[in-house]
Amino acid sequence: MTLIAFLKAMEFNSITRRAASHFGIEDPDAIAPAADPAEKARVLYAAQAPFNRTLVAGKTAHAAWRSKPSWYAVSTEDRTINPDLERFMAKRMGAKTIEVKSSHLSLISQPDVIANLILDAAGQA
């Protein structure tokens, strides 16, 4: 299975299995990529782990991006992380950057683009 096929197959299966009980959904496979966007949003919200506040307060002794090549996908329609902040972070780490017309969940809305970025990072593009 290719990485792109894997990401497409994962798109909703693992998320729905974790979150289906929150909505009384008896058949998690019923929510497919063609499902209603509002239903997808509810399932994603239920499966989302709470934000870990130590992420903003903690300090890293040595950030990997300082010594390793980095790649970054800026989601231009992101309303969770400001795209300008994403661009700043990508520039600061010297990342090879792409811009994806997507919300915060570019892995779900643009799996081919993100898979190609991952393949590029892995040297397989």
C-alpha atoms as a PDB file:
ATOM      1  CA  MET A   1       0.000   0.000   0.000  1.00  0.00           C
ATOM      2  CA  THR A   2       1.351   3.431  -0.894  1.00  0.00           C
ATOM      3  CA  LEU A   3       1.522   6.230   1.648  1.00  0.00           C
ATOM      4  CA  ILE A   4      -1.206   8.120  -0.193  1.00  0.00           C
ATOM      5  CA  ALA A   5      -3.485   5.079  -0.157  1.00  0.00           C
ATOM      6  CA  PHE A   6      -2.736   4.533   3.523  1.00  0.00           C
ATOM      7  CA  LEU A   7      -3.620   8.130   4.438  1.00  0.00           C
ATOM      8  CA  LYS A   8      -6.824   7.961   2.420  1.00  0.00           C
ATOM      9  CA  ALA A   9      -7.780   4.664   4.087  1.00  0.00           C
ATOM     10  CA  MET A  10      -7.039   6.092   7.532  1.00  0.00           C
ATOM     11  CA  GLU A  11      -8.872   9.286   6.765  1.00  0.00           C
ATOM     12  CA  PHE A  12     -11.787   8.523   8.998  1.00  0.00           C
ATOM     13  CA  ASN A  13     -11.712   4.873  10.038  1.00  0.00           C
ATOM     14  CA  SER A  14      -9.595   5.165  13.199  1.00  0.00           C
ATOM     15  CA  ILE A  15     -11.248   8.418  14.243  1.00  0.00           C
ATOM     16  CA  THR A  16     -14.770   7.094  13.871  1.00  0.00           C
ATOM     17  CA  ARG A  17     -13.993   3.947  15.824  1.00  0.00           C
ATOM     18  CA  ARG A  18     -12.831   6.062  18.790  1.00  0.00           C
ATOM     19  CA  ALA A  19     -15.592   8.600  18.669  1.00  0.00           C
ATOM     20  CA  ALA A  20     -18.662   6.737  17.400  1.00  0.00           C
ATOM     21  CA  SER A  21     -19.960   5.930  20.871  1.00  0.00           C
ATOM     22  CA  HIS A  22     -20.192   9.652  21.677  1.00  0.00           C
ATOM     23  CA  PHE A  23     -22.965   9.949  19.117  1.00  0.00           C
ATOM     24  CA  GLY A  24     -24.604   6.556  19.473  1.00  0.00           C
ATOM     25  CA  ILE A  25     -23.403   5.549  16.022  1.00  0.00           C
ATOM     26  CA  GLU A  26     -23.781   1.794  15.721  1.00  0.00           C
ATOM     27  CA  ASP A  27     -21.799   1.471  12.490  1.00  0.00           C
ATOM     28  CA  PRO A  28     -18.672   3.658  12.566  1.00  0.00           C
ATOM     29  CA  ASP A  29     -17.941   2.734   8.951  1.00  0.00           C
ATOM     30  CA  ALA A  30     -21.131   4.566   8.000  1.00  0.00           C
ATOM     31  CA  ILE A  31     -19.185   7.827   8.248  1.00  0.00           C
ATOM     32  CA  ALA A  32     -17.151   7.712   5.073  1.00  0.00           C
ATOM     33  CA  PRO A  33     -15.152  10.433   3.322  1.00  0.00           C
ATOM     34  CA  ALA A  34     -18.350  11.412   1.499  1.00  0.00           C
ATOM     35  CA  ALA A  35     -20.170  11.909   4.812  1.00  0.00           C
ATOM     36  CA  ASP A  36     -21.830  15.148   5.791  1.00  0.00           C
ATOM     37  CA  PRO A  37     -19.132  17.701   6.788  1.00  0.00           C
ATOM     38  CA  ALA A  38     -21.021  18.635   9.949  1.00  0.00           C
ATOM     39  CA  GLU A  39     -21.071  14.989  11.031  1.00  0.00           C
ATOM     40  CA  LYS A  40     -17.347  14.688  10.314  1.00  0.00           C
ATOM     41  CA  ALA A  41     -16.733  17.784  12.429  1.00  0.00           C
ATOM     42  CA  ARG A  42     -18.686  16.342  15.361  1.00  0.00           C
ATOM     43  CA  VAL A  43     -16.722  13.085  15.223  1.00  0.00           C
ATOM     44  CA  LEU A  44     -13.391  14.893  14.960  1.00  0.00           C
ATOM     45  CA  TYR A  45     -14.331  17.140  17.879  1.00  0.00           C
ATOM     46  CA  ALA A  46     -15.231  14.128  20.035  1.00  0.00           C
ATOM     47  CA  ALA A  47     -11.965  12.384  19.191  1.00  0.00           C
ATOM     48  CA  GLN A  48      -9.783  15.455  19.807  1.00  0.00           C
ATOM     49  CA  ALA A  49      -7.667  15.208  22.934  1.00  0.00           C
ATOM     50  CA  PRO A  50      -7.642  18.240  25.227  1.00  0.00           C
ATOM     51  CA  PHE A  51      -4.898  20.800  24.638  1.00  0.00           C
ATOM     52  CA  ASN A  52      -1.859  20.135  26.812  1.00  0.00           C
ATOM     53  CA  ARG A  53      -1.019  23.476  28.453  1.00  0.00           C
ATOM     54  CA  THR A  54       2.579  22.413  29.104  1.00  0.00           C
ATOM     55  CA  LEU A  55       3.170  22.706  25.361  1.00  0.00           C
ATOM     56  CA  VAL A  56       3.271  26.489  25.620  1.00  0.00           C
ATOM     57  CA  ALA A  57       4.986  26.666  29.004  1.00  0.00           C
ATOM     58  CA  GLY A  58       7.581  23.940  28.520  1.00  0.00           C
ATOM     59  CA  LYS A  59      11.095  24.454  27.210  1.00  0.00           C
ATOM     60  CA  THR A  60      13.091  22.255  24.883  1.00  0.00           C
ATOM     61  CA  ALA A  61      16.815  21.911  25.426  1.00  0.00           C
ATOM     62  CA  HIS A  62      17.493  21.297  21.744  1.00  0.00           C
ATOM     63  CA  ALA A  63      14.808  21.615  19.078  1.00  0.00           C
ATOM     64  CA  ALA A  64      15.346  19.021  16.343  1.00  0.00           C
ATOM     65  CA  TRP A  65      14.596  21.581  13.622  1.00  0.00           C
ATOM     66  CA  ARG A  66      17.769  23.459  14.580  1.00  0.00           C
ATOM     67  CA  SER A  67      19.943  20.639  13.240  1.00  0.00           C
ATOM     68  CA  LYS A  68      17.690  18.557  10.991  1.00  0.00           C
ATOM     69  CA  PRO A  69      15.948  19.351   7.704  1.00  0.00           C
ATOM     70  CA  SER A  70      12.301  20.315   8.186  1.00  0.00           C
ATOM     71  CA  TRP A  71       9.138  20.445   6.088  1.00  0.00           C
ATOM     72  CA  TYR A  72       5.991  22.414   6.850  1.00  0.00           C
ATOM     73  CA  ALA A  73       2.517  22.645   5.369  1.00  0.00           C
ATOM     74  CA  VAL A  74       0.885  26.030   5.981  1.00  0.00           C
ATOM     75  CA  SER A  75      -2.903  25.697   5.992  1.00  0.00           C
ATOM     76  CA  THR A  76      -3.998  28.986   4.470  1.00  0.00           C
ATOM     77  CA  GLU A  77      -7.593  28.726   5.743  1.00  0.00           C
ATOM     78  CA  ASP A  78      -6.599  27.628   9.272  1.00  0.00           C
ATOM     79  CA  ARG A  79      -8.689  29.179  12.046  1.00  0.00           C
ATOM     80  CA  THR A  80      -6.949  27.196  14.799  1.00  0.00           C
ATOM     81  CA  ILE A  81      -3.402  28.412  14.164  1.00  0.00           C
ATOM     82  CA  ASN A  82      -3.045  31.698  12.344  1.00  0.00           C
ATOM     83  CA  PRO A  83      -1.448  31.032   8.907  1.00  0.00           C
ATOM     84  CA  ASP A  84       0.921  33.963   9.475  1.00  0.00           C
ATOM     85  CA  LEU A  85       2.134  32.252  12.656  1.00  0.00           C
ATOM     86  CA  GLU A  86       2.546  29.002  10.699  1.00  0.00           C
ATOM     87  CA  ARG A  87       4.623  30.872   8.102  1.00  0.00           C
ATOM     88  CA  PHE A  88       6.729  32.459  10.849  1.00  0.00           C
ATOM     89  CA  MET A  89       7.403  29.078  12.485  1.00  0.00           C
ATOM     90  CA  ALA A  90       8.251  27.456   9.163  1.00  0.00           C
ATOM     91  CA  LYS A  91      10.619  30.277   8.238  1.00  0.00           C
ATOM     92  CA  ARG A  92      12.282  30.200  11.656  1.00  0.00           C
ATOM     93  CA  MET A  93      13.000  26.493  11.310  1.00  0.00           C
ATOM     94  CA  GLY A  94      14.210  26.905   7.723  1.00  0.00           C
ATOM     95  CA  ALA A  95      11.585  24.423   6.581  1.00  0.00           C
ATOM     96  CA  LYS A  96      10.756  23.566   3.004  1.00  0.00           C
ATOM     97  CA  THR A  97       7.279  25.041   3.044  1.00  0.00           C
ATOM     98  CA  ILE A  98       4.161  24.454   0.993  1.00  0.00           C
ATOM     99  CA  GLU A  99       0.869  26.306   1.274  1.00  0.00           C
ATOM    100  CA  VAL A 100      -2.312  24.273   1.219  1.00  0.00           C
ATOM    101  CA  LYS A 101      -5.743  25.847   0.745  1.00  0.00           C
ATOM    102  CA  SER A 102      -7.175  24.058   3.719  1.00  0.00           C
ATOM    103  CA  SER A 103      -8.426  24.442   7.236  1.00  0.00           C
ATOM    104  CA  HIS A 104      -6.456  23.085  10.207  1.00  0.00           C
ATOM    105  CA  LEU A 105      -7.141  19.504   9.079  1.00  0.00           C
ATOM    106  CA  SER A 106      -5.193  19.482   5.825  1.00  0.00           C
ATOM    107  CA  LEU A 107      -4.347  15.804   6.321  1.00  0.00           C
ATOM    108  CA  ILE A 108      -8.033  15.015   5.908  1.00  0.00           C
ATOM    109  CA  SER A 109      -8.998  17.580   3.282  1.00  0.00           C
ATOM    110  CA  GLN A 110      -5.815  17.355   1.163  1.00  0.00           C
ATOM    111  CA  PRO A 111      -4.355  13.858   1.794  1.00  0.00           C
ATOM    112  CA  ASP A 112      -2.529  13.695  -1.567  1.00  0.00           C
ATOM    113  CA  VAL A 113      -0.760  17.018  -1.007  1.00  0.00           C
ATOM    114  CA  ILE A 114       0.272  16.117   2.547  1.00  0.00           C
ATOM    115  CA  ALA A 115       1.357  12.618   1.516  1.00  0.00           C
ATOM    116  CA  ASN A 116       3.563  14.124  -1.197  1.00  0.00           C
ATOM    117  CA  LEU A 117       5.116  16.464   1.389  1.00  0.00           C
ATOM    118  CA  ILE A 118       5.842  13.481   3.631  1.00  0.00           C
ATOM    119  CA  LEU A 119       7.316  11.565   0.715  1.00  0.00           C
ATOM    120  CA  ASP A 120       9.463  14.574  -0.152  1.00  0.00           C
ATOM    121  CA  ALA A 121      10.687  14.709   3.451  1.00  0.00           C
ATOM    122  CA  ALA A 122      11.461  11.004   3.321  1.00  0.00           C
ATOM    123  CA  GLY A 123      13.392  11.471   0.074  1.00  0.00           C
ATOM    124  CA  GLN A 124      10.965   9.345  -1.920  1.00  0.00           C
ATOM    125  CA  ALA A 125       9.166  11.958  -4.013  1.00  0.00           C
END
